[in-house]
Amino acid sequence: QVRLVESGGGLVQAGGSLRLSCAASGRIVSINVMGWYRQAPGKQRDLVASITRDGSRVYADSAKGRFTISRDNAKNMAFLQMNSLKPDDTAVYYCNAALRVRYDSISYENYWGQGTQVTVSS
């Protein structure tokens, strides 16, 4: 069974740092884009950052200069280093990945992790 599992969330004071990890497991042929999204209570789920297999990155304006996304293709993992955290960063953070799971198909399917809570206190 293919799945994404996030870890690294928690409670941190404003100005602190956290590093989120996302591990993709199961029968995976290849992974295209991996990304981090977040959803605060009562708000929609928004992109925080994404990274392609060759390392091209996209950041939300709110993440630029503070967050860094990276990945380890050999381990099927993605990471989000979050620095200078603010109370507005409080949300559930979700890992997302476009996975190819069948050798007889070139299609990529969208998968989500279960989310990890990040809480930033003021």
C-alpha atoms as a PDB file:
ATOM      1  CA  GLN A   1       0.000   0.000   0.000  1.00  0.00           C
ATOM      2  CA  VAL A   2       1.410   3.347  -1.038  1.00  0.00           C
ATOM      3  CA  ARG A   3       1.356   6.048   1.541  1.00  0.00           C
ATOM      4  CA  LEU A   4       2.960   9.289   2.684  1.00  0.00           C
ATOM      5  CA  VAL A   5       3.835   9.770   6.329  1.00  0.00           C
ATOM      6  CA  GLU A   6       4.746  13.128   7.823  1.00  0.00           C
ATOM      7  CA  SER A   7       6.688  13.734  11.000  1.00  0.00           C
ATOM      8  CA  GLY A   8       8.400  16.573  12.816  1.00  0.00           C
ATOM      9  CA  GLY A   9       5.487  18.761  13.792  1.00  0.00           C
ATOM     10  CA  GLY A  10       5.026  20.129  17.275  1.00  0.00           C
ATOM     11  CA  LEU A  11       4.782  23.182  19.486  1.00  0.00           C
ATOM     12  CA  VAL A  12       7.398  25.900  19.138  1.00  0.00           C
ATOM     13  CA  GLN A  13       7.728  29.498  20.244  1.00  0.00           C
ATOM     14  CA  ALA A  14       7.681  32.327  17.750  1.00  0.00           C
ATOM     15  CA  GLY A  15      11.085  32.728  16.162  1.00  0.00           C
ATOM     16  CA  GLY A  16      11.873  29.047  16.542  1.00  0.00           C
ATOM     17  CA  SER A  17      12.453  26.341  13.966  1.00  0.00           C
ATOM     18  CA  LEU A  18      11.019  22.989  12.985  1.00  0.00           C
ATOM     19  CA  ARG A  19      11.952  20.461  10.343  1.00  0.00           C
ATOM     20  CA  LEU A  20       9.195  18.412   8.795  1.00  0.00           C
ATOM     21  CA  SER A  21       9.839  15.111   7.061  1.00  0.00           C
ATOM     22  CA  CYS A  22       7.719  13.181   4.598  1.00  0.00           C
ATOM     23  CA  ALA A  23       8.418   9.576   3.733  1.00  0.00           C
ATOM     24  CA  ALA A  24       6.791   7.856   0.775  1.00  0.00           C
ATOM     25  CA  SER A  25       6.555   4.092   1.045  1.00  0.00           C
ATOM     26  CA  GLY A  26       5.068   1.163  -0.788  1.00  0.00           C
ATOM     27  CA  ARG A  27       5.287   0.056  -4.386  1.00  0.00           C
ATOM     28  CA  ILE A  28       6.510   3.275  -6.003  1.00  0.00           C
ATOM     29  CA  VAL A  29       7.949   3.411  -9.495  1.00  0.00           C
ATOM     30  CA  SER A  30       8.924   7.069  -9.398  1.00  0.00           C
ATOM     31  CA  ILE A  31       7.999  10.366  -7.779  1.00  0.00           C
ATOM     32  CA  ASN A  32       7.488  13.586  -9.651  1.00  0.00           C
ATOM     33  CA  VAL A  33       6.645  16.715  -7.677  1.00  0.00           C
ATOM     34  CA  MET A  34       6.618  16.652  -3.876  1.00  0.00           C
ATOM     35  CA  GLY A  35       5.126  19.454  -1.890  1.00  0.00           C
ATOM     36  CA  TRP A  36       4.008  20.759   1.456  1.00  0.00           C
ATOM     37  CA  TYR A  37       0.603  22.299   2.033  1.00  0.00           C
ATOM     38  CA  ARG A  38      -0.957  23.685   5.164  1.00  0.00           C
ATOM     39  CA  GLN A  39      -4.450  24.217   6.452  1.00  0.00           C
ATOM     40  CA  ALA A  40      -5.360  26.411   9.390  1.00  0.00           C
ATOM     41  CA  PRO A  41      -8.741  26.037  11.116  1.00  0.00           C
ATOM     42  CA  GLY A  42     -11.527  27.475   8.983  1.00  0.00           C
ATOM     43  CA  LYS A  43      -9.228  28.101   6.043  1.00  0.00           C
ATOM     44  CA  GLN A  44      -8.481  26.334   2.791  1.00  0.00           C
ATOM     45  CA  ARG A  45      -5.473  24.139   2.221  1.00  0.00           C
ATOM     46  CA  ASP A  46      -2.724  26.166   0.592  1.00  0.00           C
ATOM     47  CA  LEU A  47       0.612  25.363  -1.000  1.00  0.00           C
ATOM     48  CA  VAL A  48       3.640  26.181   1.129  1.00  0.00           C
ATOM     49  CA  ALA A  49       6.408  24.866  -1.112  1.00  0.00           C
ATOM     50  CA  SER A  50       7.016  22.276  -3.793  1.00  0.00           C
ATOM     51  CA  ILE A  51      10.035  20.660  -5.401  1.00  0.00           C
ATOM     52  CA  THR A  52      10.452  18.681  -8.597  1.00  0.00           C
ATOM     53  CA  ARG A  53      12.611  15.623  -8.989  1.00  0.00           C
ATOM     54  CA  ASP A  54      15.433  17.705 -10.444  1.00  0.00           C
ATOM     55  CA  GLY A  55      15.259  20.226  -7.609  1.00  0.00           C
ATOM     56  CA  SER A  56      13.226  23.093  -8.992  1.00  0.00           C
ATOM     57  CA  ARG A  57      11.440  24.827  -6.119  1.00  0.00           C
ATOM     58  CA  VAL A  58       8.344  26.950  -5.736  1.00  0.00           C
ATOM     59  CA  TYR A  59       7.478  28.817  -2.537  1.00  0.00           C
ATOM     60  CA  ALA A  60       4.426  30.635  -1.317  1.00  0.00           C
ATOM     61  CA  ASP A  61       5.147  34.284  -0.582  1.00  0.00           C
ATOM     62  CA  SER A  62       4.638  33.598   3.118  1.00  0.00           C
ATOM     63  CA  ALA A  63       7.384  30.972   3.050  1.00  0.00           C
ATOM     64  CA  LYS A  64      10.032  32.777   1.025  1.00  0.00           C
ATOM     65  CA  GLY A  65      13.162  33.532   2.990  1.00  0.00           C
ATOM     66  CA  ARG A  66      12.089  31.459   5.987  1.00  0.00           C
ATOM     67  CA  PHE A  67      11.297  27.953   4.724  1.00  0.00           C
ATOM     68  CA  THR A  68      13.415  25.611   2.640  1.00  0.00           C
ATOM     69  CA  ILE A  69      12.108  22.544   0.879  1.00  0.00           C
ATOM     70  CA  SER A  70      14.412  19.677  -0.060  1.00  0.00           C
ATOM     71  CA  ARG A  71      14.162  16.034  -0.996  1.00  0.00           C
ATOM     72  CA  ASP A  72      16.144  12.835  -1.028  1.00  0.00           C
ATOM     73  CA  ASN A  73      15.225  10.964  -4.192  1.00  0.00           C
ATOM     74  CA  ALA A  74      17.062   7.810  -3.130  1.00  0.00           C
ATOM     75  CA  LYS A  75      14.990   7.583   0.052  1.00  0.00           C
ATOM     76  CA  ASN A  76      11.711   8.878  -1.385  1.00  0.00           C
ATOM     77  CA  MET A  77      11.622  11.635   1.181  1.00  0.00           C
ATOM     78  CA  ALA A  78      10.908  15.343   1.298  1.00  0.00           C
ATOM     79  CA  PHE A  79      11.710  17.855   3.989  1.00  0.00           C
ATOM     80  CA  LEU A  80      10.592  21.310   5.011  1.00  0.00           C
ATOM     81  CA  GLN A  81      12.956  23.350   7.140  1.00  0.00           C
ATOM     82  CA  MET A  82      10.981  26.126   8.788  1.00  0.00           C
ATOM     83  CA  ASN A  83      12.821  28.985  10.463  1.00  0.00           C
ATOM     84  CA  SER A  84      11.668  32.226  12.078  1.00  0.00           C
ATOM     85  CA  LEU A  85       8.281  30.708  12.717  1.00  0.00           C
ATOM     86  CA  LYS A  86       5.324  32.975  13.392  1.00  0.00           C
ATOM     87  CA  PRO A  87       1.974  32.324  15.067  1.00  0.00           C
ATOM     88  CA  ASP A  88       0.384  32.674  11.610  1.00  0.00           C
ATOM     89  CA  ASP A  89       2.287  29.543  10.575  1.00  0.00           C
ATOM     90  CA  THR A  90       0.124  27.490  12.928  1.00  0.00           C
ATOM     91  CA  ALA A  91      -1.661  24.854  10.855  1.00  0.00           C
ATOM     92  CA  VAL A  92      -1.791  21.213   9.932  1.00  0.00           C
ATOM     93  CA  TYR A  93       0.951  20.592   7.387  1.00  0.00           C
ATOM     94  CA  TYR A  94       0.332  18.001   4.699  1.00  0.00           C
ATOM     95  CA  CYS A  95       2.787  16.273   2.413  1.00  0.00           C
ATOM     96  CA  ASN A  96       1.691  15.823  -1.177  1.00  0.00           C
ATOM     97  CA  ALA A  97       3.343  13.843  -3.949  1.00  0.00           C
ATOM     98  CA  ALA A  98       2.702  12.842  -7.519  1.00  0.00           C
ATOM     99  CA  LEU A  99       3.508   9.136  -7.601  1.00  0.00           C
ATOM    100  CA  ARG A 100       3.826   6.662 -10.412  1.00  0.00           C
ATOM    101  CA  VAL A 101       2.764   3.358  -8.902  1.00  0.00           C
ATOM    102  CA  ARG A 102       2.359   1.151 -11.966  1.00  0.00           C
ATOM    103  CA  TYR A 103       5.043  -0.039 -14.372  1.00  0.00           C
ATOM    104  CA  ASP A 104       2.461  -0.454 -17.150  1.00  0.00           C
ATOM    105  CA  SER A 105       1.340   3.164 -16.912  1.00  0.00           C
ATOM    106  CA  ILE A 106       3.187   6.482 -17.204  1.00  0.00           C
ATOM    107  CA  SER A 107       0.502   8.309 -15.254  1.00  0.00           C
ATOM    108  CA  TYR A 108       1.184   9.945 -11.914  1.00  0.00           C
ATOM    109  CA  GLU A 109      -1.396   9.891  -9.137  1.00  0.00           C
ATOM    110  CA  ASN A 110      -1.829  12.451  -6.387  1.00  0.00           C
ATOM    111  CA  TYR A 111      -1.261  11.261  -2.820  1.00  0.00           C
ATOM    112  CA  TRP A 112      -1.622  13.010   0.533  1.00  0.00           C
ATOM    113  CA  GLY A 113      -0.232  12.294   3.949  1.00  0.00           C
ATOM    114  CA  GLN A 114      -2.319  12.387   7.101  1.00  0.00           C
ATOM    115  CA  GLY A 115      -0.882  15.720   8.224  1.00  0.00           C
ATOM    116  CA  THR A 116       1.223  16.906  11.129  1.00  0.00           C
ATOM    117  CA  GLN A 117       0.262  19.720  13.472  1.00  0.00           C
ATOM    118  CA  VAL A 118       2.518  22.745  13.785  1.00  0.00           C
ATOM    119  CA  THR A 119       1.668  25.194  16.540  1.00  0.00           C
ATOM    120  CA  VAL A 120       3.608  28.415  17.009  1.00  0.00           C
ATOM    121  CA  SER A 121       3.029  30.262  20.269  1.00  0.00           C
ATOM    122  CA  SER A 122       3.503  33.997  20.623  1.00  0.00           C
END
